[in-house]
Amino acid sequence: MIYLVPGIVYLFTIGLFLYGWFRIKPFRTKLHRPVPVSVIVAVRNEEENIKTLLESIGRQDYPRHLVEVILVNDHSSDNTLEVLKEYTWVKVISLENKFGKKEAIKSGIENARNELIVTTDADCVLPVNWLATYAAYFEANKSRFQIPARIKVQYIFFSPAGWTPSRLLLPRDQEQSLK
């Protein structure tokens, strides 16, 4: 009998998750008027990955003349910049006196010329409809995409002592930059 109560609670919880999951309305990518998009990528020592990313950006089913690609070099010490010279359609910015991904993305945003700005990482391979989906959602909802800032958590249910989201997501040497 003692095992029955946790089982019922578990099944109820799973039922709530399923109920919520099936209530989500699928978003259909139907773009009436393509909007100009700026794609920002912060790169640091991505010589091995950058070609794959840029090829996947080049294969997007989105009008090429509406896509601005900005790669912000965060003091790479490998041949990343040499690889980027092959891609004349990419705008390359190098950080001079600043360091870190946060500063690189900030610099990219400051240099972007389009209203819709999306970011990705250099080690990603993007699906063909990636930009079309973002643009369609932007057009349908007139939403503003923002880069998430630090989330302050007052209380986390069942969390170990001292746990915060920044400790989960960032290496220890970068935690201090959030404080």
Protein backbone atom coordinates (compact mmCIF):
# COMPACT_ATOMS: atom_id res chain seq x y z
CA MET A 1 0.00 0.00 0.00
CA ILE A 2 2.87 2.39 0.77
CA TYR A 3 4.14 1.98 -2.81
CA LEU A 4 0.78 2.88 -4.30
CA VAL A 5 0.83 6.58 -3.28
CA PRO A 6 4.14 7.47 -5.04
CA GLY A 7 2.97 5.54 -8.10
CA ILE A 8 -0.27 7.50 -8.28
CA VAL A 9 1.58 10.80 -7.80
CA TYR A 10 4.02 9.80 -10.55
CA LEU A 11 1.24 8.87 -12.99
CA PHE A 12 -0.62 12.11 -12.21
CA THR A 13 2.53 14.14 -12.87
CA ILE A 14 3.19 12.35 -16.17
CA GLY A 15 -0.46 12.93 -17.10
CA LEU A 16 -0.06 16.67 -16.48
CA PHE A 17 3.06 16.76 -18.66
CA LEU A 18 1.29 14.91 -21.47
CA TYR A 19 -1.75 17.18 -21.20
CA GLY A 20 0.47 20.26 -21.52
CA TRP A 21 2.52 18.72 -24.32
CA PHE A 22 -0.51 17.98 -26.49
CA ARG A 23 -1.93 21.46 -25.95
CA ILE A 24 1.10 23.04 -27.67
CA LYS A 25 0.05 24.29 -31.06
CA PRO A 26 2.59 23.51 -33.77
CA PHE A 27 4.07 26.54 -35.50
CA ARG A 28 3.80 26.43 -39.27
CA THR A 29 6.55 28.10 -41.24
CA LYS A 30 4.58 30.26 -43.63
CA LEU A 31 6.47 33.41 -44.53
CA HIS A 32 4.52 36.02 -46.49
CA ARG A 33 7.26 38.61 -46.80
CA PRO A 34 10.88 37.66 -46.07
CA VAL A 35 12.57 40.05 -43.64
CA PRO A 36 16.28 40.92 -43.56
CA VAL A 37 18.16 38.83 -40.99
CA SER A 38 21.52 39.29 -39.30
CA VAL A 39 23.20 36.07 -38.13
CA ILE A 40 25.82 36.59 -35.43
CA VAL A 41 28.40 33.97 -34.52
CA ALA A 42 31.05 34.43 -31.82
CA VAL A 43 34.11 32.39 -32.76
CA ARG A 44 37.26 31.44 -30.91
CA ASN A 45 39.55 28.72 -32.22
CA GLU A 46 36.85 27.20 -34.43
CA GLU A 47 39.06 26.28 -37.39
CA GLU A 48 37.67 22.74 -37.41
CA ASN A 49 33.98 23.71 -37.24
CA ILE A 50 33.51 27.00 -39.04
CA LYS A 51 33.36 25.61 -42.59
CA THR A 52 30.49 23.27 -41.70
CA LEU A 53 28.53 26.12 -40.10
CA LEU A 54 29.04 28.49 -43.01
CA GLU A 55 28.08 25.80 -45.52
CA SER A 56 24.86 25.16 -43.59
CA ILE A 57 24.12 28.91 -43.55
CA GLY A 58 24.76 29.00 -47.30
CA ARG A 59 22.24 26.17 -47.84
CA GLN A 60 19.38 28.00 -46.12
CA ASP A 61 16.10 28.15 -48.05
CA TYR A 62 16.02 31.89 -47.47
CA PRO A 63 16.79 34.72 -49.93
CA ARG A 64 20.57 35.12 -49.79
CA HIS A 65 20.44 38.88 -50.36
CA LEU A 66 18.45 39.29 -47.11
CA VAL A 67 21.00 37.48 -44.92
CA GLU A 68 23.88 39.29 -43.25
CA VAL A 69 26.40 36.98 -41.55
CA ILE A 70 28.66 38.53 -38.90
CA LEU A 71 31.41 36.45 -37.32
CA VAL A 72 33.08 38.03 -34.32
CA ASN A 73 36.58 36.70 -33.68
CA ASP A 74 37.34 36.49 -29.97
CA HIS A 75 41.14 36.33 -30.14
CA SER A 76 41.47 33.02 -32.01
CA SER A 77 44.98 31.55 -31.92
CA ASP A 78 44.39 28.93 -34.63
CA ASN A 79 43.72 29.43 -38.36
CA THR A 80 40.09 30.47 -37.99
CA LEU A 81 40.68 33.84 -39.67
CA GLU A 82 42.47 32.17 -42.60
CA VAL A 83 39.52 29.85 -43.15
CA LEU A 84 37.11 32.81 -43.08
CA LYS A 85 38.95 34.54 -45.95
CA GLU A 86 37.39 31.97 -48.31
CA TYR A 87 33.90 33.30 -47.51
CA THR A 88 33.67 36.79 -48.99
CA TRP A 89 29.98 37.12 -48.04
CA VAL A 90 30.84 36.96 -44.32
CA LYS A 91 31.56 40.11 -42.36
CA VAL A 92 34.40 39.43 -39.89
CA ILE A 93 34.91 41.59 -36.82
CA SER A 94 37.77 41.08 -34.37
CA LEU A 95 37.54 42.04 -30.72
CA GLU A 96 40.44 44.27 -29.79
CA ASN A 97 40.30 45.25 -26.13
CA LYS A 98 37.45 43.04 -24.97
CA PHE A 99 37.23 39.31 -24.33
CA GLY A 100 34.57 36.64 -24.08
CA LYS A 101 31.50 35.39 -25.91
CA LYS A 102 29.23 37.95 -24.26
CA GLU A 103 31.33 40.83 -25.58
CA ALA A 104 31.61 39.18 -29.00
CA ILE A 105 27.83 38.89 -29.34
CA LYS A 106 27.39 42.44 -28.07
CA SER A 107 29.85 43.67 -30.71
CA GLY A 108 28.02 41.70 -33.39
CA ILE A 109 24.68 43.22 -32.39
CA GLU A 110 26.17 46.72 -32.49
CA ASN A 111 27.40 46.08 -36.05
CA ALA A 112 24.23 44.37 -37.30
CA ARG A 113 22.12 46.35 -39.74
CA ASN A 114 18.90 44.32 -39.61
CA GLU A 115 16.01 44.34 -37.17
CA LEU A 116 15.89 40.55 -36.81
CA ILE A 117 19.07 39.24 -35.20
CA VAL A 118 19.72 35.55 -34.54
CA THR A 119 22.76 33.95 -32.99
CA THR A 120 24.27 30.52 -33.23
CA ASP A 121 27.44 28.76 -32.18
CA ALA A 122 30.29 27.95 -34.54
CA ASP A 123 30.04 24.20 -33.94
CA CYS A 124 26.41 23.96 -35.11
CA VAL A 125 24.98 22.48 -38.28
CA LEU A 126 21.77 24.33 -39.09
CA PRO A 127 18.72 22.76 -40.73
CA VAL A 128 17.80 24.16 -44.14
CA ASN A 129 14.70 25.96 -42.82
CA TRP A 130 16.39 27.49 -39.76
CA LEU A 131 16.28 31.14 -40.89
CA ALA A 132 12.87 30.79 -42.56
CA THR A 133 11.42 29.49 -39.28
CA TYR A 134 12.86 32.35 -37.22
CA ALA A 135 11.71 34.93 -39.78
CA ALA A 136 8.20 33.45 -40.02
CA TYR A 137 7.84 33.42 -36.24
CA PHE A 138 9.13 36.99 -36.08
CA GLU A 139 6.66 38.08 -38.76
CA ALA A 140 3.71 36.24 -37.18
CA ASN A 141 4.29 37.43 -33.61
CA LYS A 142 6.25 40.65 -34.05
CA SER A 143 8.41 39.31 -31.26
CA ARG A 144 11.79 40.60 -30.24
CA PHE A 145 14.46 37.97 -29.88
CA GLN A 146 16.78 38.72 -27.02
CA ILE A 147 19.89 37.16 -25.66
CA PRO A 148 19.04 35.79 -22.21
CA ALA A 149 20.68 37.48 -19.29
CA ARG A 150 21.45 36.00 -15.90
CA ILE A 151 18.43 34.48 -14.26
CA LYS A 152 18.14 35.13 -10.54
CA VAL A 153 16.58 32.17 -8.79
CA GLN A 154 15.15 32.72 -5.33
CA TYR A 155 14.34 29.10 -4.56
CA ILE A 156 14.71 25.87 -6.46
CA PHE A 157 12.64 22.91 -5.32
CA PHE A 158 14.83 19.88 -4.46
CA SER A 159 18.07 21.66 -5.38
CA PRO A 160 21.41 20.84 -3.79
CA ALA A 161 22.82 23.49 -1.52
CA GLY A 162 24.61 26.25 -3.39
CA TRP A 163 23.31 25.23 -6.82
CA THR A 164 22.53 28.04 -9.26
CA PRO A 165 21.84 28.02 -12.99
CA SER A 166 25.14 29.79 -13.67
CA ARG A 167 27.04 26.95 -11.99
CA LEU A 168 25.24 24.48 -14.19
CA LEU A 169 25.88 26.35 -17.45
CA LEU A 170 29.23 28.07 -17.02
CA PRO A 171 32.74 26.95 -16.16
CA ARG A 172 33.84 28.10 -12.71
CA ASP A 173 36.30 30.70 -14.09
CA GLN A 174 33.41 32.49 -15.87
CA GLU A 175 30.97 32.57 -12.94
CA GLN A 176 32.55 35.70 -11.49
CA SER A 177 31.72 37.70 -14.65
CA LEU A 178 28.01 37.31 -13.85
CA LYS A 179 28.20 38.81 -10.38
